[in-house]
């Protein structure tokens, strides 16, 4: 193996600026991650930045599989609205209006 390999890059350390519960979405720079454990404010903890996750979404939004999803960091949920939001990944499955969550492939 090459001597400059560091790690697969699936998990990053994140310094929490608020209390995070395990499974919560959080922006790490311009990437969406999911807290792998509770991370108290002011401490560092592991955040997964790859994979498919079920995360909260704006209930009135609909998604077809493969559609780009955005993270609304104020509301802490996924949305179909690009304006003022961060690209989070794509819908891994369709997301119906009325559904509270969306299966999303992170950062893809």
PDB file of N, CA and C in Angstrom:
ATOM      1  N   UNK A   1       0.845  -1.179   0.000  1.00  0.00           N
ATOM      2  CA  UNK A   1       0.000   0.000   0.000  1.00  0.00           C
ATOM      3  C   UNK A   1       0.888   1.239   0.000  1.00  0.00           C
ATOM      4  N   UNK A   2       0.429   2.270  -0.645  1.00  0.00           N
ATOM      5  CA  UNK A   2       1.175   3.529  -0.680  1.00  0.00           C
ATOM      6  C   UNK A   2       1.358   4.076   0.733  1.00  0.00           C
ATOM      7  N   UNK A   3       2.473   4.703   0.981  1.00  0.00           N
ATOM      8  CA  UNK A   3       2.801   5.200   2.316  1.00  0.00           C
ATOM      9  C   UNK A   3       2.041   6.468   2.692  1.00  0.00           C
ATOM     10  N   UNK A   4       1.389   7.105   1.729  1.00  0.00           N
ATOM     11  CA  UNK A   4       0.690   8.347   2.041  1.00  0.00           C
ATOM     12  C   UNK A   4      -0.816   8.157   2.269  1.00  0.00           C
ATOM     13  N   UNK A   5      -1.303   6.905   2.329  1.00  0.00           N
ATOM     14  CA  UNK A   5      -2.709   6.627   2.628  1.00  0.00           C
ATOM     15  C   UNK A   5      -2.992   6.982   4.078  1.00  0.00           C
ATOM     16  N   UNK A   6      -4.104   7.685   4.321  1.00  0.00           N
ATOM     17  CA  UNK A   6      -4.470   8.071   5.685  1.00  0.00           C
ATOM     18  C   UNK A   6      -5.623   7.219   6.208  1.00  0.00           C
ATOM     19  N   UNK A   7      -6.774   7.208   5.510  1.00  0.00           N
ATOM     20  CA  UNK A   7      -7.946   6.435   5.919  1.00  0.00           C
ATOM     21  C   UNK A   7      -8.949   6.435   4.775  1.00  0.00           C
ATOM     22  N   UNK A   8     -10.008   5.601   4.826  1.00  0.00           N
ATOM     23  CA  UNK A   8     -10.986   5.565   3.740  1.00  0.00           C
ATOM     24  C   UNK A   8     -11.778   6.870   3.566  1.00  0.00           C
ATOM     25  N   UNK A   9     -11.864   7.693   4.592  1.00  0.00           N
ATOM     26  CA  UNK A   9     -12.557   8.969   4.470  1.00  0.00           C
ATOM     27  C   UNK A   9     -14.058   8.901   4.666  1.00  0.00           C
ATOM     28  N   UNK A  10     -14.527   7.895   5.369  1.00  0.00           N
ATOM     29  CA  UNK A  10     -15.960   7.743   5.603  1.00  0.00           C
ATOM     30  C   UNK A  10     -16.424   8.435   6.875  1.00  0.00           C
ATOM     31  N   UNK A  11     -15.512   8.636   7.818  1.00  0.00           N
ATOM     32  CA  UNK A  11     -15.836   9.248   9.106  1.00  0.00           C
ATOM     33  C   UNK A  11     -14.860  10.385   9.365  1.00  0.00           C
ATOM     34  N   UNK A  12     -15.421  11.517   9.795  1.00  0.00           N
ATOM     35  CA  UNK A  12     -14.605  12.681  10.146  1.00  0.00           C
ATOM     36  C   UNK A  12     -14.849  13.030  11.607  1.00  0.00           C
ATOM     37  N   UNK A  13     -13.854  13.624  12.250  1.00  0.00           N
ATOM     38  CA  UNK A  13     -14.062  14.197  13.576  1.00  0.00           C
ATOM     39  C   UNK A  13     -14.745  15.543  13.404  1.00  0.00           C
ATOM     40  N   UNK A  14     -15.718  15.820  14.262  1.00  0.00           N
ATOM     41  CA  UNK A  14     -16.472  17.070  14.191  1.00  0.00           C
ATOM     42  C   UNK A  14     -16.504  17.708  15.567  1.00  0.00           C
ATOM     43  N   UNK A  15     -16.124  18.978  15.638  1.00  0.00           N
ATOM     44  CA  UNK A  15     -16.200  19.743  16.884  1.00  0.00           C
ATOM     45  C   UNK A  15     -17.587  20.362  16.951  1.00  0.00           C
ATOM     46  N   UNK A  16     -18.406  19.862  17.852  1.00  0.00           N
ATOM     47  CA  UNK A  16     -19.802  20.294  17.940  1.00  0.00           C
ATOM     48  C   UNK A  16     -19.918  21.726  18.449  1.00  0.00           C
ATOM     49  N   UNK A  17     -20.765  22.503  17.781  1.00  0.00           N
ATOM     50  CA  UNK A  17     -21.064  23.869  18.209  1.00  0.00           C
ATOM     51  C   UNK A  17     -22.419  23.933  18.905  1.00  0.00           C
ATOM     52  N   UNK A  18     -23.053  22.786  19.049  1.00  0.00           N
ATOM     53  CA  UNK A  18     -24.302  22.608  19.791  1.00  0.00           C
ATOM     54  C   UNK A  18     -24.381  21.125  20.135  1.00  0.00           C
ATOM     55  N   UNK A  19     -25.224  20.760  21.086  1.00  0.00           N
ATOM     56  CA  UNK A  19     -25.398  19.349  21.414  1.00  0.00           C
ATOM     57  C   UNK A  19     -25.993  18.617  20.211  1.00  0.00           C
ATOM     58  N   UNK A  20     -25.394  17.486  19.846  1.00  0.00           N
ATOM     59  CA  UNK A  20     -25.898  16.651  18.752  1.00  0.00           C
ATOM     60  C   UNK A  20     -26.284  15.290  19.297  1.00  0.00           C
ATOM     61  N   UNK A  21     -27.401  14.769  18.818  1.00  0.00           N
ATOM     62  CA  UNK A  21     -27.788  13.410  19.185  1.00  0.00           C
ATOM     63  C   UNK A  21     -27.370  12.465  18.070  1.00  0.00           C
ATOM     64  N   UNK A  22     -27.134  11.234  18.427  1.00  0.00           N
ATOM     65  CA  UNK A  22     -26.776  10.212  17.448  1.00  0.00           C
ATOM     66  C   UNK A  22     -27.833  10.159  16.348  1.00  0.00           C
ATOM     67  N   UNK A  23     -27.380  10.173  15.096  1.00  0.00           N
ATOM     68  CA  UNK A  23     -28.291  10.118  13.964  1.00  0.00           C
ATOM     69  C   UNK A  23     -28.679  11.473  13.404  1.00  0.00           C
ATOM     70  N   UNK A  24     -28.256  12.547  14.061  1.00  0.00           N
ATOM     71  CA  UNK A  24     -28.595  13.895  13.591  1.00  0.00           C
ATOM     72  C   UNK A  24     -27.719  14.296  12.417  1.00  0.00           C
ATOM     73  N   UNK A  25     -28.298  15.011  11.473  1.00  0.00           N
ATOM     74  CA  UNK A  25     -27.540  15.569  10.368  1.00  0.00           C
ATOM     75  C   UNK A  25     -26.817  16.830  10.817  1.00  0.00           C
ATOM     76  N   UNK A  26     -25.613  17.025  10.279  1.00  0.00           N
ATOM     77  CA  UNK A  26     -24.823  18.211  10.630  1.00  0.00           C
ATOM     78  C   UNK A  26     -23.918  18.563   9.458  1.00  0.00           C
ATOM     79  N   UNK A  27     -23.779  19.859   9.198  1.00  0.00           N
ATOM     80  CA  UNK A  27     -22.856  20.296   8.155  1.00  0.00           C
ATOM     81  C   UNK A  27     -21.438  20.307   8.688  1.00  0.00           C
ATOM     82  N   UNK A  28     -20.544  19.702   7.921  1.00  0.00           N
ATOM     83  CA  UNK A  28     -19.109  19.743   8.190  1.00  0.00           C
ATOM     84  C   UNK A  28     -18.524  20.493   6.997  1.00  0.00           C
ATOM     85  N   UNK A  29     -18.339  21.790   7.164  1.00  0.00           N
ATOM     86  CA  UNK A  29     -17.976  22.617   6.021  1.00  0.00           C
ATOM     87  C   UNK A  29     -19.124  22.620   5.030  1.00  0.00           C
ATOM     88  N   UNK A  30     -18.870  22.155   3.807  1.00  0.00           N
ATOM     89  CA  UNK A  30     -19.898  22.078   2.770  1.00  0.00           C
ATOM     90  C   UNK A  30     -20.388  20.651   2.547  1.00  0.00           C
ATOM     91  N   UNK A  31     -20.156  19.768   3.524  1.00  0.00           N
ATOM     92  CA  UNK A  31     -20.581  18.370   3.428  1.00  0.00           C
ATOM     93  C   UNK A  31     -21.565  18.054   4.542  1.00  0.00           C
ATOM     94  N   UNK A  32     -22.549  17.212   4.224  1.00  0.00           N
ATOM     95  CA  UNK A  32     -23.486  16.766   5.242  1.00  0.00           C
ATOM     96  C   UNK A  32     -22.965  15.489   5.871  1.00  0.00           C
ATOM     97  N   UNK A  33     -22.989  15.445   7.177  1.00  0.00           N
ATOM     98  CA  UNK A  33     -22.607  14.254   7.907  1.00  0.00           C
ATOM     99  C   UNK A  33     -23.710  13.843   8.861  1.00  0.00           C
ATOM    100  N   UNK A  34     -23.568  12.656   9.436  1.00  0.00           N
ATOM    101  CA  UNK A  34     -24.514  12.142  10.419  1.00  0.00           C
ATOM    102  C   UNK A  34     -23.723  11.758  11.662  1.00  0.00           C
ATOM    103  N   UNK A  35     -24.125  12.317  12.798  1.00  0.00           N
ATOM    104  CA  UNK A  35     -23.453  12.018  14.062  1.00  0.00           C
ATOM    105  C   UNK A  35     -23.613  10.534  14.383  1.00  0.00           C
ATOM    106  N   UNK A  36     -22.497   9.871  14.666  1.00  0.00           N
ATOM    107  CA  UNK A  36     -22.533   8.439  14.971  1.00  0.00           C
ATOM    108  C   UNK A  36     -22.778   8.158  16.443  1.00  0.00           C
ATOM    109  N   UNK A  37     -22.699   9.186  17.269  1.00  0.00           N
ATOM    110  CA  UNK A  37     -23.019   9.070  18.693  1.00  0.00           C
ATOM    111  C   UNK A  37     -23.420  10.454  19.169  1.00  0.00           C
ATOM    112  N   UNK A  38     -23.937  10.548  20.377  1.00  0.00           N
ATOM    113  CA  UNK A  38     -24.218  11.862  20.947  1.00  0.00           C
ATOM    114  C   UNK A  38     -22.905  12.624  21.066  1.00  0.00           C
ATOM    115  N   UNK A  39     -22.907  13.892  20.644  1.00  0.00           N
ATOM    116  CA  UNK A  39     -21.709  14.727  20.726  1.00  0.00           C
ATOM    117  C   UNK A  39     -22.089  15.998  21.480  1.00  0.00           C
ATOM    118  N   UNK A  40     -21.637  16.137  22.728  1.00  0.00           N
ATOM    119  CA  UNK A  40     -21.957  17.343  23.495  1.00  0.00           C
ATOM    120  C   UNK A  40     -21.293  18.586  22.901  1.00  0.00           C
ATOM    121  N   UNK A  41     -21.937  19.718  23.079  1.00  0.00           N
ATOM    122  CA  UNK A  41     -21.404  20.999  22.633  1.00  0.00           C
ATOM    123  C   UNK A  41     -19.972  21.182  23.136  1.00  0.00           C
ATOM    124  N   UNK A  42     -19.085  21.593  22.233  1.00  0.00           N
ATOM    125  CA  UNK A  42     -17.703  21.867  22.606  1.00  0.00           C
ATOM    126  C   UNK A  42     -16.787  20.666  22.597  1.00  0.00           C
ATOM    127  N   UNK A  43     -17.314  19.488  22.260  1.00  0.00           N
ATOM    128  CA  UNK A  43     -16.476  18.289  22.197  1.00  0.00           C
ATOM    129  C   UNK A  43     -16.459  17.756  20.762  1.00  0.00           C
ATOM    130  N   UNK A  44     -15.486  16.911  20.472  1.00  0.00           N
ATOM    131  CA  UNK A  44     -15.371  16.306  19.145  1.00  0.00           C
ATOM    132  C   UNK A  44     -15.948  14.904  19.153  1.00  0.00           C
ATOM    133  N   UNK A  45     -16.511  14.520  18.014  1.00  0.00           N
ATOM    134  CA  UNK A  45     -17.054  13.182  17.887  1.00  0.00           C
ATOM    135  C   UNK A  45     -17.116  12.764  16.433  1.00  0.00           C
ATOM    136  N   UNK A  46     -17.406  11.473  16.181  1.00  0.00           N
ATOM    137  CA  UNK A  46     -17.400  10.943  14.819  1.00  0.00           C
ATOM    138  C   UNK A  46     -18.671  11.283  14.043  1.00  0.00           C
ATOM    139  N   UNK A  47     -18.464  11.703  12.798  1.00  0.00           N
ATOM    140  CA  UNK A  47     -19.557  12.029  11.893  1.00  0.00           C
ATOM    141  C   UNK A  47     -19.321  11.278  10.578  1.00  0.00           C
ATOM    142  N   UNK A  48     -20.281  10.466  10.176  1.00  0.00           N
ATOM    143  CA  UNK A  48     -20.195   9.713   8.919  1.00  0.00           C
ATOM    144  C   UNK A  48     -20.574  10.636   7.764  1.00  0.00           C
ATOM    145  N   UNK A  49     -19.756  10.658   6.708  1.00  0.00           N
ATOM    146  CA  UNK A  49     -20.019  11.533   5.559  1.00  0.00           C
ATOM    147  C   UNK A  49     -20.274  10.738   4.273  1.00  0.00           C
ATOM    148  N   UNK A  50     -20.518   9.444   4.409  1.00  0.00           N
ATOM    149  CA  UNK A  50     -20.833   8.586   3.270  1.00  0.00           C
ATOM    150  C   UNK A  50     -22.002   7.685   3.637  1.00  0.00           C
ATOM    151  N   UNK A  51     -22.532   6.999   2.643  1.00  0.00           N
ATOM    152  CA  UNK A  51     -23.574   6.015   2.906  1.00  0.00           C
ATOM    153  C   UNK A  51     -24.971   6.544   2.636  1.00  0.00           C
ATOM    154  N   UNK A  52     -25.951   5.668   2.863  1.00  0.00           N
ATOM    155  CA  UNK A  52     -27.361   6.010   2.687  1.00  0.00           C
ATOM    156  C   UNK A  52     -27.997   6.085   4.065  1.00  0.00           C
ATOM    157  N   UNK A  53     -28.669   7.190   4.333  1.00  0.00           N
ATOM    158  CA  UNK A  53     -29.262   7.464   5.639  1.00  0.00           C
ATOM    159  C   UNK A  53     -30.703   7.920   5.479  1.00  0.00           C
ATOM    160  N   UNK A  54     -31.500   7.678   6.486  1.00  0.00           N
ATOM    161  CA  UNK A  54     -32.851   8.225   6.554  1.00  0.00           C
ATOM    162  C   UNK A  54     -32.781   9.477   7.415  1.00  0.00           C
ATOM    163  N   UNK A  55     -33.071  10.631   6.801  1.00  0.00           N
ATOM    164  CA  UNK A  55     -32.992  11.907   7.512  1.00  0.00           C
ATOM    165  C   UNK A  55     -34.302  12.671   7.349  1.00  0.00           C
ATOM    166  N   UNK A  56     -34.586  13.586   8.279  1.00  0.00           N
ATOM    167  CA  UNK A  56     -35.823  14.361   8.167  1.00  0.00           C
ATOM    168  C   UNK A  56     -35.848  15.214   6.902  1.00  0.00           C
ATOM    169  N   UNK A  57     -37.049  15.377   6.348  1.00  0.00           N
ATOM    170  CA  UNK A  57     -37.219  16.226   5.166  1.00  0.00           C
ATOM    171  C   UNK A  57     -38.444  17.109   5.357  1.00  0.00           C
ATOM    172  N   UNK A  58     -38.508  18.171   4.568  1.00  0.00           N
ATOM    173  CA  UNK A  58     -39.696  19.012   4.544  1.00  0.00           C
ATOM    174  C   UNK A  58     -40.849  18.165   4.014  1.00  0.00           C
ATOM    175  N   UNK A  59     -41.887  17.998   4.814  1.00  0.00           N
ATOM    176  CA  UNK A  59     -42.961  17.053   4.490  1.00  0.00           C
ATOM    177  C   UNK A  59     -43.673  17.371   3.181  1.00  0.00           C
ATOM    178  N   UNK A  60     -43.701  18.625   2.769  1.00  0.00           N
ATOM    179  CA  UNK A  60     -44.413  18.983   1.539  1.00  0.00           C
ATOM    180  C   UNK A  60     -43.584  18.766   0.280  1.00  0.00           C
ATOM    181  N   UNK A  61     -42.289  18.506   0.420  1.00  0.00           N
ATOM    182  CA  UNK A  61     -41.427  18.259  -0.739  1.00  0.00           C
ATOM    183  C   UNK A  61     -41.583  16.827  -1.239  1.00  0.00           C
ATOM    184  N   UNK A  62     -41.460  16.656  -2.555  1.00  0.00           N
ATOM    185  CA  UNK A  62     -41.437  15.325  -3.157  1.00  0.00           C
ATOM    186  C   UNK A  62     -40.111  15.147  -3.886  1.00  0.00           C
ATOM    187  N   UNK A  63     -39.636  13.922  -3.929  1.00  0.00           N
ATOM    188  CA  UNK A  63     -38.373  13.587  -4.586  1.00  0.00           C
ATOM    189  C   UNK A  63     -38.566  12.337  -5.429  1.00  0.00           C
ATOM    190  N   UNK A  64     -38.003  12.334  -6.626  1.00  0.00           N
ATOM    191  CA  UNK A  64     -37.886  11.096  -7.390  1.00  0.00           C
ATOM    192  C   UNK A  64     -36.516  10.517  -7.055  1.00  0.00           C
ATOM    193  N   UNK A  65     -36.364   9.218  -7.195  1.00  0.00           N
ATOM    194  CA  UNK A  65     -35.059   8.601  -6.940  1.00  0.00           C
ATOM    195  C   UNK A  65     -34.015   9.267  -7.829  1.00  0.00           C
ATOM    196  N   UNK A  66     -32.913   9.639  -7.245  1.00  0.00           N
ATOM    197  CA  UNK A  66     -31.827  10.277  -7.979  1.00  0.00           C
ATOM    198  C   UNK A  66     -31.852  11.794  -7.954  1.00  0.00           C
ATOM    199  N   UNK A  67     -32.929  12.385  -7.445  1.00  0.00           N
ATOM    200  CA  UNK A  67     -33.028  13.848  -7.387  1.00  0.00           C
ATOM    201  C   UNK A  67     -32.062  14.413  -6.347  1.00  0.00           C
ATOM    202  N   UNK A  68     -31.506  15.575  -6.646  1.00  0.00           N
ATOM    203  CA  UNK A  68     -30.618  16.249  -5.704  1.00  0.00           C
ATOM    204  C   UNK A  68     -31.425  16.712  -4.498  1.00  0.00           C
ATOM    205  N   UNK A  69     -30.877  16.502  -3.308  1.00  0.00           N
ATOM    206  CA  UNK A  69     -31.483  16.981  -2.069  1.00  0.00           C
ATOM    207  C   UNK A  69     -30.530  17.984  -1.424  1.00  0.00           C
ATOM    208  N   UNK A  70     -31.096  18.949  -0.734  1.00  0.00           N
ATOM    209  CA  UNK A  70     -30.336  20.022  -0.095  1.00  0.00           C
ATOM    210  C   UNK A  70     -30.587  19.993   1.403  1.00  0.00           C
ATOM    211  N   UNK A  71     -29.602  20.466   2.172  1.00  0.00           N
ATOM    212  CA  UNK A  71     -29.733  20.519   3.625  1.00  0.00           C
ATOM    213  C   UNK A  71     -30.063  21.945   4.037  1.00  0.00           C
ATOM    214  N   UNK A  72     -31.181  22.102   4.726  1.00  0.00           N
ATOM    215  CA  UNK A  72     -31.577  23.379   5.321  1.00  0.00           C
ATOM    216  C   UNK A  72     -31.024  23.369   6.737  1.00  0.00           C
ATOM    217  N   UNK A  73     -29.921  24.077   6.949  1.00  0.00           N
ATOM    218  CA  UNK A  73     -29.242  24.004   8.242  1.00  0.00           C
ATOM    219  C   UNK A  73     -29.998  24.736   9.341  1.00  0.00           C
ATOM    220  N   UNK A  74     -30.885  25.641   8.980  1.00  0.00           N
ATOM    221  CA  UNK A  74     -31.700  26.324   9.986  1.00  0.00           C
ATOM    222  C   UNK A  74     -32.770  25.381  10.522  1.00  0.00           C
ATOM    223  N   UNK A  75     -33.468  24.691   9.612  1.00  0.00           N
ATOM    224  CA  UNK A  75     -34.544  23.774  10.000  1.00  0.00           C
ATOM    225  C   UNK A  75     -34.029  22.375  10.325  1.00  0.00           C
ATOM    226  N   UNK A  76     -32.748  22.107   9.994  1.00  0.00           N
ATOM    227  CA  UNK A  76     -32.129  20.790  10.239  1.00  0.00           C
ATOM    228  C   UNK A  76     -32.890  19.672   9.542  1.00  0.00           C
ATOM    229  N   UNK A  77     -33.151  19.887   8.228  1.00  0.00           N
ATOM    230  CA  UNK A  77     -33.860  18.872   7.446  1.00  0.00           C
ATOM    231  C   UNK A  77     -33.502  19.021   5.972  1.00  0.00           C
ATOM    232  N   UNK A  78     -33.818  17.973   5.213  1.00  0.00           N
ATOM    233  CA  UNK A  78     -33.613  17.976   3.769  1.00  0.00           C
ATOM    234  C   UNK A  78     -34.752  18.717   3.084  1.00  0.00           C
ATOM    235  N   UNK A  79     -34.432  19.283   1.928  1.00  0.00           N
ATOM    236  CA  UNK A  79     -35.422  19.995   1.139  1.00  0.00           C
ATOM    237  C   UNK A  79     -35.059  19.891  -0.339  1.00  0.00           C
ATOM    238  N   UNK A  80     -36.035  20.158  -1.186  1.00  0.00           N
ATOM    239  CA  UNK A  80     -35.797  20.212  -2.628  1.00  0.00           C
ATOM    240  C   UNK A  80     -35.389  21.615  -3.072  1.00  0.00           C
ATOM    241  N   UNK A  81     -35.387  22.566  -2.150  1.00  0.00           N
ATOM    242  CA  UNK A  81     -35.074  23.962  -2.455  1.00  0.00           C
ATOM    243  C   UNK A  81     -33.580  24.216  -2.383  1.00  0.00           C
ATOM    244  N   UNK A  82     -33.005  24.665  -3.498  1.00  0.00           N
ATOM    245  CA  UNK A  82     -31.564  24.918  -3.554  1.00  0.00           C
ATOM    246  C   UNK A  82     -31.171  26.230  -2.889  1.00  0.00           C
ATOM    247  N   UNK A  83     -32.011  27.263  -3.023  1.00  0.00           N
ATOM    248  CA  UNK A  83     -31.662  28.609  -2.550  1.00  0.00           C
ATOM    249  C   UNK A  83     -31.324  28.613  -1.062  1.00  0.00           C
ATOM    250  N   UNK A  84     -30.146  29.144  -0.736  1.00  0.00           N
ATOM    251  CA  UNK A  84     -29.669  29.302   0.644  1.00  0.00           C
ATOM    252  C   UNK A  84     -29.426  27.985   1.372  1.00  0.00           C
ATOM    253  N   UNK A  85     -29.401  26.868   0.651  1.00  0.00           N
ATOM    254  CA  UNK A  85     -29.172  25.563   1.266  1.00  0.00           C
ATOM    255  C   UNK A  85     -27.949  24.898   0.650  1.00  0.00           C
ATOM    256  N   UNK A  86     -27.475  23.819   1.272  1.00  0.00           N
ATOM    257  CA  UNK A  86     -26.256  23.126   0.864  1.00  0.00           C
ATOM    258  C   UNK A  86     -26.602  21.788   0.223  1.00  0.00           C
ATOM    259  N   UNK A  87     -25.975  21.477  -0.914  1.00  0.00           N
ATOM    260  CA  UNK A  87     -26.186  20.170  -1.541  1.00  0.00           C
ATOM    261  C   UNK A  87     -25.820  19.083  -0.535  1.00  0.00           C
ATOM    262  N   UNK A  88     -26.742  18.147  -0.326  1.00  0.00           N
ATOM    263  CA  UNK A  88     -26.539  17.093   0.664  1.00  0.00           C
ATOM    264  C   UNK A  88     -26.258  15.737   0.025  1.00  0.00           C
ATOM    265  N   UNK A  89     -26.726  15.537  -1.202  1.00  0.00           N
ATOM    266  CA  UNK A  89     -26.592  14.253  -1.879  1.00  0.00           C
ATOM    267  C   UNK A  89     -27.785  14.049  -2.785  1.00  0.00           C
ATOM    268  N   UNK A  90     -28.163  12.779  -2.999  1.00  0.00           N
ATOM    269  CA  UNK A  90     -29.328  12.514  -3.844  1.00  0.00           C
ATOM    270  C   UNK A  90     -30.276  11.534  -3.167  1.00  0.00           C
ATOM    271  N   UNK A  91     -31.552  11.644  -3.566  1.00  0.00           N
ATOM    272  CA  UNK A  91     -32.580  10.750  -3.035  1.00  0.00           C
ATOM    273  C   UNK A  91     -32.275   9.328  -3.491  1.00  0.00           C
ATOM    274  N   UNK A  92     -32.093   8.430  -2.538  1.00  0.00           N
ATOM    275  CA  UNK A  92     -31.794   7.040  -2.855  1.00  0.00           C
ATOM    276  C   UNK A  92     -33.057   6.300  -3.266  1.00  0.00           C
ATOM    277  N   UNK A  93     -34.181   6.756  -2.731  1.00  0.00           N
ATOM    278  CA  UNK A  93     -35.511   6.254  -3.075  1.00  0.00           C
ATOM    279  C   UNK A  93     -36.410   7.468  -3.248  1.00  0.00           C
ATOM    280  N   UNK A  94     -37.545   7.275  -3.889  1.00  0.00           N
ATOM    281  CA  UNK A  94     -38.503   8.371  -4.020  1.00  0.00           C
ATOM    282  C   UNK A  94     -38.988   8.791  -2.635  1.00  0.00           C
ATOM    283  N   UNK A  95     -39.279  10.072  -2.497  1.00  0.00           N
ATOM    284  CA  UNK A  95     -39.814  10.610  -1.247  1.00  0.00           C
ATOM    285  C   UNK A  95     -41.133  11.305  -1.521  1.00  0.00           C
ATOM    286  N   UNK A  96     -42.204  10.799  -0.945  1.00  0.00           N
ATOM    287  CA  UNK A  96     -43.543  11.316  -1.214  1.00  0.00           C
ATOM    288  C   UNK A  96     -43.861  12.536  -0.363  1.00  0.00           C
ATOM    289  N   UNK A  97     -44.770  13.360  -0.862  1.00  0.00           N
ATOM    290  CA  UNK A  97     -45.309  14.452  -0.065  1.00  0.00           C
ATOM    291  C   UNK A  97     -46.006  13.839   1.146  1.00  0.00           C
ATOM    292  N   UNK A  98     -45.813  14.427   2.287  1.00  0.00           N
ATOM    293  CA  UNK A  98     -46.385  13.896   3.519  1.00  0.00           C
ATOM    294  C   UNK A  98     -45.415  13.041   4.308  1.00  0.00           C
ATOM    295  N   UNK A  99     -44.385  12.516   3.640  1.00  0.00           N
ATOM    296  CA  UNK A  99     -43.373  11.710   4.340  1.00  0.00           C
ATOM    297  C   UNK A  99     -42.464  12.634   5.147  1.00  0.00           C
ATOM    298  N   UNK A 100     -42.090  12.199   6.327  1.00  0.00           N
ATOM    299  CA  UNK A 100     -41.261  13.017   7.211  1.00  0.00           C
ATOM    300  C   UNK A 100     -39.771  12.794   7.010  1.00  0.00           C
ATOM    301  N   UNK A 101     -39.403  11.704   6.302  1.00  0.00           N
ATOM    302  CA  UNK A 101     -37.986  11.390   6.107  1.00  0.00           C
ATOM    303  C   UNK A 101     -37.714  11.049   4.643  1.00  0.00           C
ATOM    304  N   UNK A 102     -36.426  11.054   4.310  1.00  0.00           N
ATOM    305  CA  UNK A 102     -35.978  10.704   2.965  1.00  0.00           C
ATOM    306  C   UNK A 102     -34.726   9.848   3.081  1.00  0.00           C
ATOM    307  N   UNK A 103     -34.656   8.784   2.292  1.00  0.00           N
ATOM    308  CA  UNK A 103     -33.423   7.994   2.189  1.00  0.00           C
ATOM    309  C   UNK A 103     -32.495   8.750   1.248  1.00  0.00           C
ATOM    310  N   UNK A 104     -31.332   9.168   1.755  1.00  0.00           N
ATOM    311  CA  UNK A 104     -30.408   9.991   0.982  1.00  0.00           C
ATOM    312  C   UNK A 104     -29.030   9.359   0.931  1.00  0.00           C
ATOM    313  N   UNK A 105     -28.431   9.392  -0.237  1.00  0.00           N
ATOM    314  CA  UNK A 105     -27.026   9.006  -0.411  1.00  0.00           C
ATOM    315  C   UNK A 105     -26.230  10.281  -0.170  1.00  0.00           C
ATOM    316  N   UNK A 106     -25.470  10.292   0.913  1.00  0.00           N
ATOM    317  CA  UNK A 106     -24.754  11.497   1.314  1.00  0.00           C
ATOM    318  C   UNK A 106     -23.655  11.886   0.346  1.00  0.00           C
ATOM    319  N   UNK A 107     -23.561  13.176   0.090  1.00  0.00           N
ATOM    320  CA  UNK A 107     -22.426  13.804  -0.592  1.00  0.00           C
ATOM    321  C   UNK A 107     -22.080  13.165  -1.926  1.00  0.00           C
ATOM    322  N   UNK A 108     -23.080  12.693  -2.636  1.00  0.00           N
ATOM    323  CA  UNK A 108     -22.839  12.053  -3.932  1.00  0.00           C
ATOM    324  C   UNK A 108     -23.401  12.899  -5.056  1.00  0.00           C
TER     325      UNK A 108
END
